[in-house]
Amino acid sequence: MEKGKVPLDVPTIRAAVAGEAWAVEKVVEQYADEINRLATVKKKMPNGKVKRVIDEDMRQALITKLIESLPDFKEEL
């Protein structure tokens, strides 16, 4: 976990698994940096330089997969 980020609490996780929109949003926010990292690609610019950019389609696909996976989360506390 990144420095300064507060982990999600159990009630929020339970609510996200149940499909509560506010909780799902918090889960997505929690993983936003990792999602952006995974969706970052190298793009060759017209001047020949390579630039790192976030592929928005890939980012949305990762968010969708995360949201779709929430109901399958098994709580082991």
Protein backbone atom coordinates (compact mmCIF):
# COMPACT_ATOMS: atom_id res chain seq x y z
CA MET A 1 0.00 0.00 0.00
CA GLU A 2 1.21 3.47 -0.77
CA LYS A 3 2.51 5.67 1.98
CA GLY A 4 -0.27 7.79 3.45
CA LYS A 5 -3.15 5.76 2.02
CA VAL A 6 -5.64 4.50 4.56
CA PRO A 7 -6.76 0.90 3.96
CA LEU A 8 -10.41 0.22 3.30
CA ASP A 9 -12.38 -0.74 6.38
CA VAL A 10 -14.41 -3.96 6.62
CA PRO A 11 -17.85 -2.27 6.41
CA THR A 12 -16.80 -0.51 3.19
CA ILE A 13 -15.53 -3.77 1.69
CA ARG A 14 -18.75 -5.57 2.65
CA ALA A 15 -20.82 -2.77 1.12
CA ALA A 16 -18.76 -2.89 -2.10
CA VAL A 17 -19.25 -6.66 -2.34
CA ALA A 18 -23.00 -6.05 -1.89
CA GLY A 19 -22.90 -3.55 -4.77
CA GLU A 20 -23.33 -0.29 -2.88
CA ALA A 21 -22.27 2.44 -5.32
CA TRP A 22 -20.52 4.63 -2.73
CA ALA A 23 -18.41 1.69 -1.56
CA VAL A 24 -17.55 0.52 -5.07
CA GLU A 25 -16.36 4.06 -5.79
CA LYS A 26 -14.12 3.93 -2.70
CA VAL A 27 -12.61 0.62 -3.84
CA VAL A 28 -11.88 2.04 -7.29
CA GLU A 29 -10.33 5.14 -5.68
CA GLN A 30 -8.19 2.89 -3.45
CA TYR A 31 -6.72 1.14 -6.48
CA ALA A 32 -6.61 4.15 -8.85
CA ASP A 33 -2.82 4.52 -8.74
CA GLU A 34 -2.24 0.82 -9.45
CA ILE A 35 -4.83 0.85 -12.23
CA ASN A 36 -3.13 3.86 -13.82
CA ARG A 37 0.26 2.16 -13.52
CA LEU A 38 -1.04 -0.98 -15.21
CA ALA A 39 -2.72 1.05 -17.97
CA THR A 40 0.41 3.09 -18.75
CA VAL A 41 1.89 2.40 -22.16
CA LYS A 42 4.78 3.81 -24.17
CA LYS A 43 3.71 5.88 -27.15
CA LYS A 44 6.08 6.97 -29.87
CA MET A 45 5.64 10.63 -30.65
CA PRO A 46 6.00 12.16 -34.16
CA ASN A 47 9.38 13.63 -33.17
CA GLY A 48 10.67 10.11 -32.35
CA LYS A 49 10.60 10.48 -28.58
CA VAL A 50 8.78 7.92 -26.45
CA LYS A 51 6.23 9.18 -23.96
CA ARG A 52 4.41 7.24 -21.24
CA VAL A 53 0.65 7.77 -21.38
CA ILE A 54 -2.36 6.16 -19.77
CA ASP A 55 -4.37 4.11 -22.24
CA GLU A 56 -7.91 5.16 -21.28
CA ASP A 57 -9.52 2.07 -22.84
CA MET A 58 -7.22 -0.20 -20.84
CA ARG A 59 -7.84 1.84 -17.69
CA GLN A 60 -11.61 1.50 -18.09
CA ALA A 61 -11.27 -2.23 -18.79
CA LEU A 62 -9.28 -2.68 -15.56
CA ILE A 63 -11.85 -0.72 -13.56
CA THR A 64 -14.66 -2.78 -15.08
CA LYS A 65 -12.87 -6.04 -14.24
CA LEU A 66 -12.32 -4.88 -10.65
CA ILE A 67 -15.99 -3.97 -10.23
CA GLU A 68 -17.14 -7.24 -11.80
CA SER A 69 -14.88 -9.18 -9.44
CA LEU A 70 -16.20 -7.58 -6.24
CA PRO A 71 -19.15 -9.98 -5.73
CA ASP A 72 -16.69 -12.92 -5.85
CA PHE A 73 -14.62 -11.54 -2.96
CA LYS A 74 -14.41 -14.05 -0.11
CA GLU A 75 -14.07 -12.49 3.30
CA GLU A 76 -11.73 -14.40 5.59
CA LEU A 77 -11.57 -12.43 8.81
